[in-house]
Amino acid sequence: MITDGDPEVTEVLPHEAWEILKTEPDAVLVDVRTKAEWSYVGFPDLDDLGKAPLLVEWLAYPEMSVNPEFTGELFSRFGDRFPGKILFICRSGVRSLDAAEYVANVLGEIGRKALCINVLEGFEGDLDEQKHRGNLNGWKRRGLPWRQS
């Protein structure tokens, strides 16, 4: 699906993200949550694919303001091999969409091409009736590999 905000950003469900990461060697997954979330909630485990998620905070805790070094940190992790597809994931798919749109715009400004993809539902998924995450959908709930530090 193409988002209304930016035609350069597409969205996929978690299992579709896994398939992209599995079948496309130059695809990368960027987890834009906070260090606390990675430590306490966990993060996608891509070991079976011979990959690792790139952990780069989009919003810096505790202020939850945009990390001014986000693209610098992210692009430095690519090294000399810039990916063709960059997938973004957060808790529920909101922050990652913002990050994906931002990166798509930066790429356009610097004349680079890469498809930016937001992972719908995120790592923990949507809130259920009791206002809890992890019960309805999301990377973890859909049975995709993950781990805690």
N, C-alpha and C. Protein backbone atom coordinates (compact mmCIF):
# COMPACT_ATOMS: atom_id res chain seq x y z
N MET A 1 0.84 -1.17 0.00
CA MET A 1 0.00 0.00 0.00
C MET A 1 0.89 1.24 0.00
N ILE A 2 0.53 2.24 -0.75
CA ILE A 2 1.27 3.50 -0.75
C ILE A 2 0.53 4.47 0.16
N THR A 3 1.28 5.15 1.01
CA THR A 3 0.65 6.07 1.94
C THR A 3 0.29 7.36 1.24
N ASP A 4 -0.68 8.08 1.79
CA ASP A 4 -1.10 9.36 1.23
C ASP A 4 -0.02 10.42 1.39
N GLY A 5 0.72 10.37 2.50
CA GLY A 5 1.69 11.41 2.81
C GLY A 5 2.90 11.44 1.91
N ASP A 6 3.35 10.30 1.45
CA ASP A 6 4.58 10.27 0.67
C ASP A 6 4.55 9.06 -0.25
N PRO A 7 4.51 9.27 -1.56
CA PRO A 7 4.43 8.14 -2.49
C PRO A 7 5.69 7.28 -2.50
N GLU A 8 6.77 7.71 -1.88
CA GLU A 8 7.99 6.92 -1.85
C GLU A 8 7.99 5.91 -0.70
N VAL A 9 7.00 5.97 0.17
CA VAL A 9 6.93 5.07 1.32
C VAL A 9 5.78 4.10 1.12
N THR A 10 6.07 2.81 1.26
CA THR A 10 5.02 1.80 1.20
C THR A 10 4.89 1.18 2.58
N GLU A 11 3.85 0.38 2.76
CA GLU A 11 3.62 -0.29 4.04
C GLU A 11 3.33 -1.76 3.81
N VAL A 12 3.84 -2.59 4.71
CA VAL A 12 3.62 -4.03 4.64
C VAL A 12 3.31 -4.56 6.03
N LEU A 13 2.69 -5.71 6.09
CA LEU A 13 2.44 -6.39 7.36
C LEU A 13 3.72 -7.10 7.81
N PRO A 14 3.80 -7.47 9.09
CA PRO A 14 5.04 -8.08 9.59
C PRO A 14 5.51 -9.31 8.80
N HIS A 15 4.60 -10.22 8.45
CA HIS A 15 5.04 -11.42 7.71
C HIS A 15 5.55 -11.05 6.32
N GLU A 16 5.00 -9.99 5.73
CA GLU A 16 5.49 -9.53 4.43
C GLU A 16 6.88 -8.91 4.58
N ALA A 17 7.10 -8.22 5.68
CA ALA A 17 8.43 -7.66 5.96
C ALA A 17 9.45 -8.78 6.08
N TRP A 18 9.08 -9.85 6.79
CA TRP A 18 9.98 -10.99 6.95
C TRP A 18 10.34 -11.57 5.59
N GLU A 19 9.36 -11.73 4.71
CA GLU A 19 9.62 -12.29 3.38
C GLU A 19 10.55 -11.40 2.56
N ILE A 20 10.36 -10.09 2.66
CA ILE A 20 11.26 -9.17 1.96
C ILE A 20 12.68 -9.32 2.49
N LEU A 21 12.81 -9.35 3.80
CA LEU A 21 14.14 -9.49 4.41
C LEU A 21 14.77 -10.84 4.05
N LYS A 22 13.93 -11.85 3.93
CA LYS A 22 14.40 -13.20 3.61
C LYS A 22 14.85 -13.33 2.16
N THR A 23 14.11 -12.72 1.25
CA THR A 23 14.36 -12.95 -0.18
C THR A 23 15.21 -11.88 -0.85
N GLU A 24 15.39 -10.75 -0.19
CA GLU A 24 16.15 -9.67 -0.82
C GLU A 24 17.40 -9.36 0.00
N PRO A 25 18.55 -9.77 -0.51
CA PRO A 25 19.80 -9.64 0.26
C PRO A 25 20.14 -8.23 0.69
N ASP A 26 19.72 -7.22 -0.09
CA ASP A 26 20.11 -5.85 0.28
C ASP A 26 19.04 -5.12 1.09
N ALA A 27 17.99 -5.83 1.53
CA ALA A 27 16.96 -5.22 2.37
C ALA A 27 17.44 -5.21 3.82
N VAL A 28 17.16 -4.12 4.53
CA VAL A 28 17.52 -4.00 5.94
C VAL A 28 16.30 -3.61 6.76
N LEU A 29 16.33 -3.97 8.04
CA LEU A 29 15.27 -3.61 8.97
C LEU A 29 15.84 -2.64 9.99
N VAL A 30 15.18 -1.49 10.14
CA VAL A 30 15.59 -0.47 11.10
C VAL A 30 14.54 -0.40 12.19
N ASP A 31 14.92 -0.71 13.42
CA ASP A 31 14.04 -0.61 14.57
C ASP A 31 14.27 0.77 15.18
N VAL A 32 13.25 1.63 15.12
CA VAL A 32 13.40 3.03 15.52
C VAL A 32 12.94 3.31 16.94
N ARG A 33 12.65 2.26 17.71
CA ARG A 33 12.19 2.47 19.08
C ARG A 33 13.34 2.94 19.97
N THR A 34 13.08 3.07 21.25
CA THR A 34 14.09 3.56 22.19
C THR A 34 14.93 2.41 22.75
N LYS A 35 16.06 2.77 23.31
CA LYS A 35 16.95 1.78 23.94
C LYS A 35 16.21 1.00 25.01
N ALA A 36 15.37 1.68 25.77
CA ALA A 36 14.60 1.00 26.83
C ALA A 36 13.67 -0.05 26.23
N GLU A 37 13.04 0.27 25.12
CA GLU A 37 12.14 -0.70 24.48
C GLU A 37 12.92 -1.91 23.98
N TRP A 38 14.07 -1.69 23.38
CA TRP A 38 14.87 -2.82 22.90
C TRP A 38 15.28 -3.72 24.07
N SER A 39 15.66 -3.09 25.18
CA SER A 39 16.13 -3.85 26.34
C SER A 39 15.01 -4.60 27.05
N TYR A 40 13.89 -3.94 27.27
CA TYR A 40 12.83 -4.52 28.10
C TYR A 40 11.75 -5.26 27.33
N VAL A 41 11.50 -4.85 26.09
CA VAL A 41 10.42 -5.48 25.31
C VAL A 41 10.97 -6.48 24.31
N GLY A 42 12.18 -6.23 23.82
CA GLY A 42 12.80 -7.11 22.84
C GLY A 42 12.88 -6.45 21.48
N PHE A 43 13.40 -7.19 20.52
CA PHE A 43 13.56 -6.67 19.16
C PHE A 43 13.56 -7.84 18.18
N PRO A 44 13.28 -7.56 16.91
CA PRO A 44 13.26 -8.64 15.91
C PRO A 44 14.61 -9.36 15.84
N ASP A 45 14.55 -10.67 15.73
CA ASP A 45 15.75 -11.50 15.62
C ASP A 45 15.85 -11.98 14.17
N LEU A 46 16.85 -11.48 13.46
CA LEU A 46 17.03 -11.82 12.05
C LEU A 46 18.18 -12.80 11.83
N ASP A 47 18.63 -13.45 12.91
CA ASP A 47 19.76 -14.38 12.80
C ASP A 47 19.55 -15.45 11.75
N ASP A 48 18.32 -15.98 11.65
CA ASP A 48 18.03 -17.03 10.67
C ASP A 48 18.23 -16.56 9.24
N LEU A 49 18.21 -15.24 9.05
CA LEU A 49 18.39 -14.66 7.72
C LEU A 49 19.82 -14.19 7.48
N GLY A 50 20.67 -14.38 8.50
CA GLY A 50 22.04 -13.89 8.39
C GLY A 50 22.13 -12.38 8.45
N LYS A 51 21.15 -11.77 9.11
CA LYS A 51 21.08 -10.31 9.22
C LYS A 51 20.86 -9.92 10.67
N ALA A 52 20.98 -8.64 10.93
CA ALA A 52 20.68 -8.08 12.25
C ALA A 52 19.90 -6.78 12.03
N PRO A 53 18.92 -6.51 12.91
CA PRO A 53 18.22 -5.24 12.77
C PRO A 53 19.16 -4.09 13.13
N LEU A 54 18.96 -2.96 12.49
CA LEU A 54 19.70 -1.76 12.84
C LEU A 54 18.88 -1.03 13.89
N LEU A 55 19.45 -0.85 15.07
CA LEU A 55 18.75 -0.20 16.17
C LEU A 55 19.17 1.26 16.24
N VAL A 56 18.28 2.14 15.79
CA VAL A 56 18.57 3.57 15.76
C VAL A 56 17.33 4.31 16.26
N GLU A 57 17.46 5.00 17.39
CA GLU A 57 16.33 5.73 17.97
C GLU A 57 15.87 6.87 17.05
N TRP A 58 14.58 6.89 16.74
CA TRP A 58 13.99 8.00 16.00
C TRP A 58 13.66 9.13 16.96
N LEU A 59 12.99 8.81 18.05
CA LEU A 59 12.67 9.77 19.09
C LEU A 59 13.52 9.44 20.31
N ALA A 60 14.30 10.41 20.76
CA ALA A 60 15.21 10.18 21.88
C ALA A 60 14.46 10.28 23.21
N TYR A 61 14.63 9.26 24.02
CA TYR A 61 14.03 9.21 25.35
C TYR A 61 14.89 10.02 26.30
N PRO A 62 14.41 10.74 27.28
CA PRO A 62 13.02 10.79 27.74
C PRO A 62 12.20 11.91 27.11
N GLU A 63 12.82 12.84 26.40
CA GLU A 63 12.08 13.97 25.84
C GLU A 63 11.13 13.54 24.73
N MET A 64 11.46 12.44 24.06
CA MET A 64 10.74 11.95 22.89
C MET A 64 10.73 13.01 21.79
N SER A 65 11.90 13.61 21.61
CA SER A 65 12.10 14.55 20.51
C SER A 65 12.89 13.84 19.42
N VAL A 66 12.73 14.30 18.19
CA VAL A 66 13.40 13.66 17.06
C VAL A 66 14.91 13.69 17.28
N ASN A 67 15.52 12.55 17.12
CA ASN A 67 16.96 12.40 17.24
C ASN A 67 17.62 13.18 16.10
N PRO A 68 18.34 14.26 16.40
CA PRO A 68 18.94 15.06 15.32
C PRO A 68 20.02 14.32 14.55
N GLU A 69 20.52 13.23 15.09
CA GLU A 69 21.57 12.44 14.44
C GLU A 69 21.02 11.20 13.75
N PHE A 70 19.69 11.12 13.63
CA PHE A 70 19.07 9.89 13.12
C PHE A 70 19.63 9.45 11.77
N THR A 71 19.56 10.30 10.77
CA THR A 71 20.02 9.87 9.45
C THR A 71 21.52 9.64 9.42
N GLY A 72 22.27 10.45 10.16
CA GLY A 72 23.72 10.23 10.22
C GLY A 72 24.05 8.88 10.81
N GLU A 73 23.40 8.54 11.93
CA GLU A 73 23.61 7.24 12.57
C GLU A 73 23.18 6.11 11.64
N LEU A 74 22.02 6.28 11.02
CA LEU A 74 21.49 5.24 10.14
C LEU A 74 22.39 5.04 8.93
N PHE A 75 22.70 6.10 8.23
CA PHE A 75 23.50 5.98 7.01
C PHE A 75 24.89 5.45 7.31
N SER A 76 25.45 5.77 8.47
CA SER A 76 26.79 5.25 8.81
C SER A 76 26.76 3.74 9.00
N ARG A 77 25.62 3.19 9.39
CA ARG A 77 25.49 1.74 9.57
C ARG A 77 25.45 1.00 8.23
N PHE A 78 25.11 1.73 7.15
CA PHE A 78 25.07 1.10 5.84
C PHE A 78 26.47 0.86 5.28
N GLY A 79 27.44 1.62 5.77
CA GLY A 79 28.79 1.48 5.23
C GLY A 79 28.84 1.84 3.77
N ASP A 80 29.57 1.04 3.00
CA ASP A 80 29.69 1.34 1.57
C ASP A 80 28.63 0.63 0.73
N ARG A 81 27.70 -0.07 1.38
CA ARG A 81 26.64 -0.78 0.65
C ARG A 81 25.28 -0.22 1.06
N PHE A 82 24.81 0.75 0.31
CA PHE A 82 23.52 1.36 0.60
C PHE A 82 22.41 0.38 0.18
N PRO A 83 21.43 0.11 1.06
CA PRO A 83 20.40 -0.88 0.73
C PRO A 83 19.41 -0.39 -0.31
N GLY A 84 18.80 -1.33 -1.02
CA GLY A 84 17.75 -1.00 -1.99
C GLY A 84 16.40 -0.84 -1.32
N LYS A 85 16.21 -1.55 -0.19
CA LYS A 85 14.96 -1.46 0.56
C LYS A 85 15.29 -1.29 2.03
N ILE A 86 14.66 -0.29 2.63
CA ILE A 86 14.85 -0.01 4.06
C ILE A 86 13.49 -0.15 4.73
N LEU A 87 13.36 -1.16 5.59
CA LEU A 87 12.12 -1.38 6.33
C LEU A 87 12.26 -0.75 7.70
N PHE A 88 11.20 -0.11 8.17
CA PHE A 88 11.20 0.58 9.45
C PHE A 88 10.13 -0.03 10.35
N ILE A 89 10.49 -0.28 11.62
CA ILE A 89 9.54 -0.84 12.58
C ILE A 89 9.66 -0.08 13.90
N CYS A 90 8.52 0.06 14.59
CA CYS A 90 8.50 0.64 15.93
C CYS A 90 7.53 -0.20 16.76
N ARG A 91 6.95 0.38 17.80
CA ARG A 91 6.04 -0.36 18.65
C ARG A 91 4.75 -0.72 17.92
N SER A 92 4.16 0.28 17.22
CA SER A 92 2.85 0.05 16.61
C SER A 92 2.76 0.46 15.14
N GLY A 93 3.81 1.05 14.59
CA GLY A 93 3.80 1.46 13.19
C GLY A 93 3.66 2.96 12.98
N VAL A 94 3.56 3.74 14.04
CA VAL A 94 3.38 5.19 13.92
C VAL A 94 4.72 5.91 13.80
N ARG A 95 5.60 5.70 14.78
CA ARG A 95 6.92 6.34 14.73
C ARG A 95 7.70 5.88 13.51
N SER A 96 7.57 4.61 13.17
CA SER A 96 8.32 4.08 12.04
C SER A 96 7.85 4.69 10.72
N LEU A 97 6.56 5.00 10.61
CA LEU A 97 6.07 5.66 9.41
C LEU A 97 6.68 7.06 9.30
N ASP A 98 6.71 7.77 10.42
CA ASP A 98 7.33 9.11 10.42
C ASP A 98 8.80 9.02 10.01
N ALA A 99 9.51 8.05 10.56
CA ALA A 99 10.93 7.88 10.23
C ALA A 99 11.11 7.51 8.76
N ALA A 100 10.27 6.63 8.26
CA ALA A 100 10.36 6.21 6.85
C ALA A 100 10.12 7.39 5.92
N GLU A 101 9.12 8.20 6.22
CA GLU A 101 8.84 9.37 5.39
C GLU A 101 9.99 10.37 5.44
N TYR A 102 10.55 10.55 6.62
CA TYR A 102 11.68 11.47 6.77
C TYR A 102 12.88 11.00 5.94
N VAL A 103 13.20 9.72 6.07
CA VAL A 103 14.35 9.18 5.33
C VAL A 103 14.09 9.24 3.82
N ALA A 104 12.86 8.94 3.39
CA ALA A 104 12.54 9.03 1.96
C ALA A 104 12.79 10.45 1.45
N ASN A 105 12.41 11.44 2.24
CA ASN A 105 12.64 12.83 1.84
C ASN A 105 14.12 13.16 1.79
N VAL A 106 14.88 12.72 2.79
CA VAL A 106 16.33 12.97 2.80
C VAL A 106 16.98 12.30 1.59
N LEU A 107 16.59 11.07 1.30
CA LEU A 107 17.15 10.37 0.15
C LEU A 107 16.89 11.14 -1.14
N GLY A 108 15.68 11.66 -1.27
CA GLY A 108 15.36 12.46 -2.45
C GLY A 108 16.23 13.71 -2.54
N GLU A 109 16.47 14.33 -1.40
CA GLU A 109 17.29 15.55 -1.37
C GLU A 109 18.74 15.28 -1.75
N ILE A 110 19.25 14.12 -1.38
CA ILE A 110 20.66 13.83 -1.66
C ILE A 110 20.85 13.00 -2.93
N GLY A 111 19.75 12.73 -3.63
CA GLY A 111 19.83 12.03 -4.90
C GLY A 111 20.08 10.54 -4.80
N ARG A 112 19.71 9.92 -3.69
CA ARG A 112 19.85 8.47 -3.53
C ARG A 112 18.50 7.82 -3.69
N LYS A 113 18.51 6.57 -4.10
CA LYS A 113 17.26 5.83 -4.25
C LYS A 113 17.28 4.60 -3.36
N ALA A 114 16.22 4.45 -2.60
CA ALA A 114 15.96 3.25 -1.81
C ALA A 114 14.48 3.28 -1.49
N LEU A 115 13.84 2.14 -1.54
CA LEU A 115 12.43 2.07 -1.19
C LEU A 115 12.31 2.02 0.33
N CYS A 116 11.59 2.96 0.89
CA CYS A 116 11.36 3.00 2.34
C CYS A 116 10.02 2.34 2.61
N ILE A 117 10.02 1.38 3.56
CA ILE A 117 8.84 0.56 3.83
C ILE A 117 8.54 0.59 5.32
N ASN A 118 7.33 0.96 5.67
CA ASN A 118 6.89 0.93 7.06
C ASN A 118 6.26 -0.43 7.37
N VAL A 119 6.60 -1.00 8.53
CA VAL A 119 6.01 -2.27 8.96
C VAL A 119 4.77 -1.95 9.79
N LEU A 120 3.60 -2.20 9.19
CA LEU A 120 2.34 -2.01 9.88
C LEU A 120 2.27 -2.88 11.14
N GLU A 121 1.50 -2.45 12.11
CA GLU A 121 1.30 -3.16 13.37
C GLU A 121 2.51 -3.05 14.29
N GLY A 122 3.69 -2.83 13.75
CA GLY A 122 4.89 -2.68 14.57
C GLY A 122 5.30 -3.96 15.27
N PHE A 123 6.15 -3.79 16.27
CA PHE A 123 6.69 -4.93 17.01
C PHE A 123 5.69 -5.48 18.02
N GLU A 124 4.97 -4.59 18.70
CA GLU A 124 4.04 -5.02 19.75
C GLU A 124 2.58 -5.02 19.33
N GLY A 125 2.23 -4.31 18.26
CA GLY A 125 0.87 -4.31 17.77
C GLY A 125 -0.03 -3.26 18.41
N ASP A 126 -1.28 -3.33 18.03
CA ASP A 126 -2.28 -2.37 18.49
C ASP A 126 -2.76 -2.69 19.90
N LEU A 127 -3.36 -1.68 20.52
CA LEU A 127 -3.95 -1.87 21.85
C LEU A 127 -5.20 -2.73 21.76
N ASP A 128 -5.37 -3.62 22.76
CA ASP A 128 -6.60 -4.42 22.82
C ASP A 128 -7.63 -3.68 23.68
N GLU A 129 -8.74 -4.34 24.00
CA GLU A 129 -9.80 -3.71 24.78
C GLU A 129 -9.34 -3.30 26.18
N GLN A 130 -8.34 -3.98 26.72
CA GLN A 130 -7.82 -3.65 28.04
C GLN A 130 -6.65 -2.66 27.96
N LYS A 131 -6.41 -2.11 26.77
CA LYS A 131 -5.32 -1.15 26.53
C LYS A 131 -3.95 -1.80 26.70
N HIS A 132 -3.84 -3.08 26.34
CA HIS A 132 -2.57 -3.81 26.37
C HIS A 132 -2.13 -4.10 24.94
N ARG A 133 -0.83 -4.06 24.73
CA ARG A 133 -0.27 -4.41 23.43
C ARG A 133 0.21 -5.86 23.47
N GLY A 134 0.38 -6.43 22.29
CA GLY A 134 0.93 -7.78 22.20
C GLY A 134 -0.10 -8.88 22.13
N ASN A 135 -1.38 -8.54 22.16
CA ASN A 135 -2.43 -9.55 22.13
C ASN A 135 -3.18 -9.63 20.81
N LEU A 136 -3.13 -8.57 20.02
CA LEU A 136 -3.91 -8.54 18.78
C LEU A 136 -3.09 -8.85 17.54
N ASN A 137 -1.97 -8.16 17.41
CA ASN A 137 -1.19 -8.28 16.18
C ASN A 137 0.23 -7.80 16.46
N GLY A 138 0.99 -7.57 15.43
CA GLY A 138 2.37 -7.12 15.59
C GLY A 138 3.36 -8.26 15.35
N TRP A 139 4.61 -7.88 15.20
CA TRP A 139 5.71 -8.82 14.91
C TRP A 139 5.71 -9.99 15.89
N LYS A 140 5.70 -9.69 17.19
CA LYS A 140 5.77 -10.75 18.21
C LYS A 140 4.54 -11.66 18.16
N ARG A 141 3.36 -11.06 18.13
CA ARG A 141 2.11 -11.82 18.16
C ARG A 141 1.96 -12.72 16.94
N ARG A 142 2.51 -12.30 15.83
CA ARG A 142 2.41 -13.08 14.59
C ARG A 142 3.45 -14.20 14.52
N GLY A 143 4.20 -14.36 15.61
CA GLY A 143 5.11 -15.51 15.71
C GLY A 143 6.43 -15.35 14.98
N LEU A 144 6.80 -14.15 14.62
CA LEU A 144 8.09 -13.93 13.97
C LEU A 144 9.20 -13.92 15.01
N PRO A 145 10.41 -14.29 14.62
CA PRO A 145 11.50 -14.39 15.59
C PRO A 145 11.83 -13.06 16.27
N TRP A 146 12.06 -13.15 17.59
CA TRP A 146 12.45 -11.98 18.35
C TRP A 146 13.23 -12.45 19.57
N ARG A 147 13.89 -11.50 20.21
CA ARG A 147 14.64 -11.84 21.42
C ARG A 147 14.76 -10.60 22.31
N GLN A 148 15.19 -10.86 23.54
CA GLN A 148 15.48 -9.79 24.48
C GLN A 148 16.95 -9.81 24.80
N SER A 149 17.46 -8.64 25.20
CA SER A 149 18.89 -8.59 25.52
C SER A 149 19.17 -9.04 26.92
